[in-house]
Amino acid sequence: MNLNRVAAVILASGFSQRFGDDDKLLSHLNGQPLATHSAALVSALPFQSATAIVPVGNARLIQLYKEARIEPVENHNADQGQGASLALAVTHIKNSSVDAALILLADMPFATAEHIKKLADRMDDHDAVASRHDDVPQPPLLFARSTFEALAALSGDKSGKAFLATLDSKAFVDMPQREATDIDTPEALAQAQASVK
């Protein structure tokens, strides 16, 4: 699948409760806010559109995405979990002409363009293609248009991975450990920072 037929969506409205009081996505990794890394990845690829689902009123994060040419969409139901974020994202893009949606987490700073292209190459006639590390499916996830209506109806804390498990037609692309890293705690951020020095 050509990436110009794909809408990229960055999920960036979680509460990051394990991170403490600091704003995780604005905490620095390698001299830049954590959210900048996944935003730069998306901006560098020829997606038809790019959207970030963000918390309501987070002006600094909203500006970060605008500067990266990614449309910020404020999530008024962030307290309902990832299912609500996915539903908002897909509702926002489903009337466009895209054939698929790429779902990426904002706290995955080491995902690569090469991996995203491998996901697209495996799409074929599948309903979804997921990344996989140690046999565990995870984002980034590529969902075909055939799933949009169901995704737009999600609610609560049903994650993309949980929705993936309900699909019969899916494929997987293995992801190296470093690329699969997501930053959930200050300790994980410190370890990631040490790895880039």
Protein backbone atom coordinates (compact mmCIF):
# COMPACT_ATOMS: atom_id res chain seq x y z
CA MET A 1 0.00 0.00 0.00
CA ASN A 2 1.26 3.45 -0.90
CA LEU A 3 1.60 5.77 2.09
CA ASN A 4 -0.14 8.55 0.19
CA ARG A 5 -3.31 6.49 0.64
CA VAL A 6 -2.83 6.37 4.43
CA ALA A 7 -3.87 8.76 7.21
CA ALA A 8 -1.35 8.87 10.05
CA VAL A 9 -2.75 9.25 13.56
CA ILE A 10 -0.64 9.89 16.65
CA LEU A 11 -2.36 9.11 19.95
CA ALA A 12 -1.14 11.73 22.41
CA SER A 13 -3.97 12.30 24.90
CA GLY A 14 -3.29 9.68 27.55
CA PHE A 15 -2.95 10.69 31.20
CA SER A 16 0.52 9.11 31.63
CA GLN A 17 -0.27 8.28 35.26
CA ARG A 18 2.91 6.22 35.67
CA PHE A 19 5.04 9.23 34.75
CA GLY A 20 4.12 11.37 37.75
CA ASP A 21 3.29 15.08 37.71
CA ASP A 22 5.45 16.12 34.74
CA ASP A 23 4.01 16.27 31.22
CA LYS A 24 5.58 13.16 29.72
CA LEU A 25 5.29 14.19 26.09
CA LEU A 26 6.95 17.54 26.77
CA SER A 27 9.78 16.00 28.81
CA HIS A 28 13.03 16.07 26.89
CA LEU A 29 14.74 13.19 25.13
CA ASN A 30 17.95 14.03 23.30
CA GLY A 31 17.31 17.74 23.69
CA GLN A 32 13.76 17.74 22.32
CA PRO A 33 10.30 17.08 23.76
CA LEU A 34 9.47 13.36 23.65
CA ALA A 35 6.49 14.01 21.35
CA THR A 36 8.78 15.61 18.77
CA HIS A 37 10.36 12.29 17.82
CA SER A 38 7.22 10.52 16.59
CA ALA A 39 5.98 13.80 15.08
CA ALA A 40 9.18 14.09 13.04
CA LEU A 41 8.76 10.51 11.82
CA VAL A 42 5.22 11.18 10.61
CA SER A 43 6.15 14.51 9.02
CA ALA A 44 8.95 12.89 7.04
CA LEU A 45 6.69 10.35 5.33
CA PRO A 46 4.24 11.03 2.46
CA PHE A 47 0.98 10.32 4.29
CA GLN A 48 -2.20 11.74 2.80
CA SER A 49 -2.94 13.37 6.14
CA ALA A 50 -1.52 13.50 9.66
CA THR A 51 -3.49 14.01 12.87
CA ALA A 52 -2.59 13.99 16.56
CA ILE A 53 -5.20 13.33 19.25
CA VAL A 54 -4.25 15.65 22.10
CA PRO A 55 -5.52 16.65 25.56
CA VAL A 56 -7.88 19.60 25.72
CA GLY A 57 -6.10 22.88 26.33
CA ASN A 58 -2.50 21.64 26.16
CA ALA A 59 -1.26 24.68 24.25
CA ARG A 60 2.40 23.65 24.13
CA LEU A 61 1.63 20.20 22.74
CA ILE A 62 -0.88 21.60 20.26
CA GLN A 63 1.74 24.09 19.02
CA LEU A 64 4.35 21.33 18.73
CA TYR A 65 2.10 19.39 16.35
CA LYS A 66 1.14 22.46 14.37
CA GLU A 67 4.82 23.24 13.83
CA ALA A 68 5.29 19.67 12.57
CA ARG A 69 2.39 20.15 10.11
CA ILE A 70 0.26 17.64 11.99
CA GLU A 71 -3.35 18.59 12.73
CA PRO A 72 -4.09 18.53 16.48
CA VAL A 73 -7.55 17.31 17.47
CA GLU A 74 -8.52 17.87 21.10
CA ASN A 75 -9.94 14.84 22.90
CA HIS A 76 -12.77 15.81 25.25
CA ASN A 77 -13.18 12.17 26.30
CA ALA A 78 -9.58 11.38 27.18
CA ASP A 79 -10.65 10.07 30.59
CA GLN A 80 -12.52 7.24 28.82
CA GLY A 81 -9.32 5.54 27.65
CA GLN A 82 -7.65 4.60 24.39
CA GLY A 83 -10.82 3.25 22.80
CA ALA A 84 -12.36 6.71 22.89
CA SER A 85 -9.17 8.21 21.42
CA LEU A 86 -9.22 5.70 18.57
CA ALA A 87 -12.89 6.37 17.92
CA LEU A 88 -12.26 10.12 17.76
CA ALA A 89 -9.30 9.65 15.43
CA VAL A 90 -11.12 7.42 12.98
CA THR A 91 -14.28 9.54 13.08
CA HIS A 92 -12.10 12.49 12.12
CA ILE A 93 -10.59 10.79 9.05
CA LYS A 94 -13.21 8.29 7.88
CA ASN A 95 -14.87 10.65 5.40
CA SER A 96 -11.57 11.29 3.61
CA SER A 97 -10.38 9.22 0.65
CA VAL A 98 -7.73 7.24 2.55
CA ASP A 99 -7.56 3.45 2.33
CA ALA A 100 -6.03 2.90 5.77
CA ALA A 101 -5.07 4.54 9.05
CA LEU A 102 -1.72 4.21 10.76
CA ILE A 103 -2.00 4.37 14.55
CA LEU A 104 1.20 5.42 16.32
CA LEU A 105 1.76 6.23 19.99
CA ALA A 106 3.34 9.59 20.78
CA ASP A 107 5.64 8.02 23.38
CA MET A 108 7.41 5.68 20.92
CA PRO A 109 10.46 7.77 19.98
CA PHE A 110 12.47 5.07 18.19
CA ALA A 111 9.97 3.82 15.60
CA THR A 112 11.43 4.13 12.11
CA ALA A 113 10.32 5.01 8.61
CA GLU A 114 11.63 1.64 7.42
CA HIS A 115 9.31 -0.18 9.80
CA ILE A 116 6.29 1.91 8.78
CA LYS A 117 7.01 1.09 5.13
CA LYS A 118 7.20 -2.62 5.97
CA LEU A 119 3.73 -2.41 7.56
CA ALA A 120 2.34 -0.79 4.41
CA ASP A 121 4.03 -3.38 2.20
CA ARG A 122 2.26 -6.20 4.09
CA MET A 123 -1.21 -4.63 3.92
CA ASP A 124 -2.46 -6.40 0.77
CA ASP A 125 -6.07 -7.48 1.46
CA HIS A 126 -5.73 -7.68 5.24
CA ASP A 127 -7.95 -5.76 7.63
CA ALA A 128 -4.91 -4.84 9.69
CA VAL A 129 -1.15 -5.13 9.95
CA ALA A 130 0.45 -4.82 13.37
CA SER A 131 3.93 -4.53 14.73
CA ARG A 132 5.07 -7.41 16.90
CA HIS A 133 7.85 -7.80 19.47
CA ASP A 134 8.49 -11.03 21.39
CA ASP A 135 5.29 -12.40 19.78
CA VAL A 136 3.23 -9.60 21.34
CA PRO A 137 1.27 -7.38 18.92
CA GLN A 138 1.66 -3.64 19.47
CA PRO A 139 1.64 -0.28 17.70
CA PRO A 140 2.33 1.00 15.19
CA LEU A 141 -0.82 -0.55 13.73
CA LEU A 142 -2.21 -0.17 10.24
CA PHE A 143 -6.00 -0.54 9.94
CA ALA A 144 -7.77 -0.84 6.59
CA ARG A 145 -10.82 1.24 5.71
CA SER A 146 -12.93 -1.91 6.20
CA THR A 147 -12.41 -1.49 9.96
CA PHE A 148 -13.23 2.21 10.21
CA GLU A 149 -16.89 1.91 11.17
CA ALA A 150 -16.09 -0.51 13.99
CA LEU A 151 -13.15 1.59 15.19
CA ALA A 152 -15.29 4.72 15.21
CA ALA A 153 -17.74 2.93 17.51
CA LEU A 154 -15.14 1.96 20.13
CA SER A 155 -15.53 3.23 23.66
CA GLY A 156 -13.85 2.79 27.00
CA ASP A 157 -10.37 1.41 27.31
CA LYS A 158 -10.48 -1.00 24.37
CA SER A 159 -7.06 -0.56 22.81
CA GLY A 160 -6.06 -0.97 19.21
CA LYS A 161 -4.39 -4.22 20.23
CA ALA A 162 -7.64 -5.52 21.74
CA PHE A 163 -9.55 -4.57 18.60
CA LEU A 164 -6.90 -6.26 16.48
CA ALA A 165 -7.55 -9.54 18.31
CA THR A 166 -11.15 -9.52 17.02
CA LEU A 167 -10.09 -9.42 13.36
CA ASP A 168 -9.70 -12.57 11.26
CA SER A 169 -7.58 -11.08 8.48
CA LYS A 170 -4.36 -9.62 9.87
CA ALA A 171 -0.62 -9.76 9.40
CA PHE A 172 2.38 -8.91 11.55
CA VAL A 173 5.78 -7.32 11.08
CA ASP A 174 8.42 -8.02 13.71
CA MET A 175 9.87 -4.96 15.41
CA PRO A 176 13.29 -4.77 17.09
CA GLN A 177 13.32 -4.15 20.84
CA ARG A 178 14.67 -0.61 20.59
CA GLU A 179 12.05 0.47 18.06
CA ALA A 180 9.34 -1.11 20.22
CA THR A 181 10.30 1.00 23.24
CA ASP A 182 7.59 3.20 24.66
CA ILE A 183 8.25 5.65 27.47
CA ASP A 184 5.91 5.12 30.43
CA THR A 185 8.00 6.20 33.43
CA PRO A 186 10.76 8.70 34.27
CA GLU A 187 13.09 5.73 34.62
CA ALA A 188 12.28 4.57 31.09
CA LEU A 189 12.94 8.09 29.82
CA ALA A 190 16.30 8.14 31.61
CA GLN A 191 17.23 4.80 30.08
CA ALA A 192 16.24 6.04 26.64
CA GLN A 193 18.27 9.19 27.15
CA ALA A 194 21.32 7.14 28.15
CA SER A 195 20.96 5.07 24.98
CA VAL A 196 21.21 8.06 22.67
CA LYS A 197 24.31 9.61 24.21
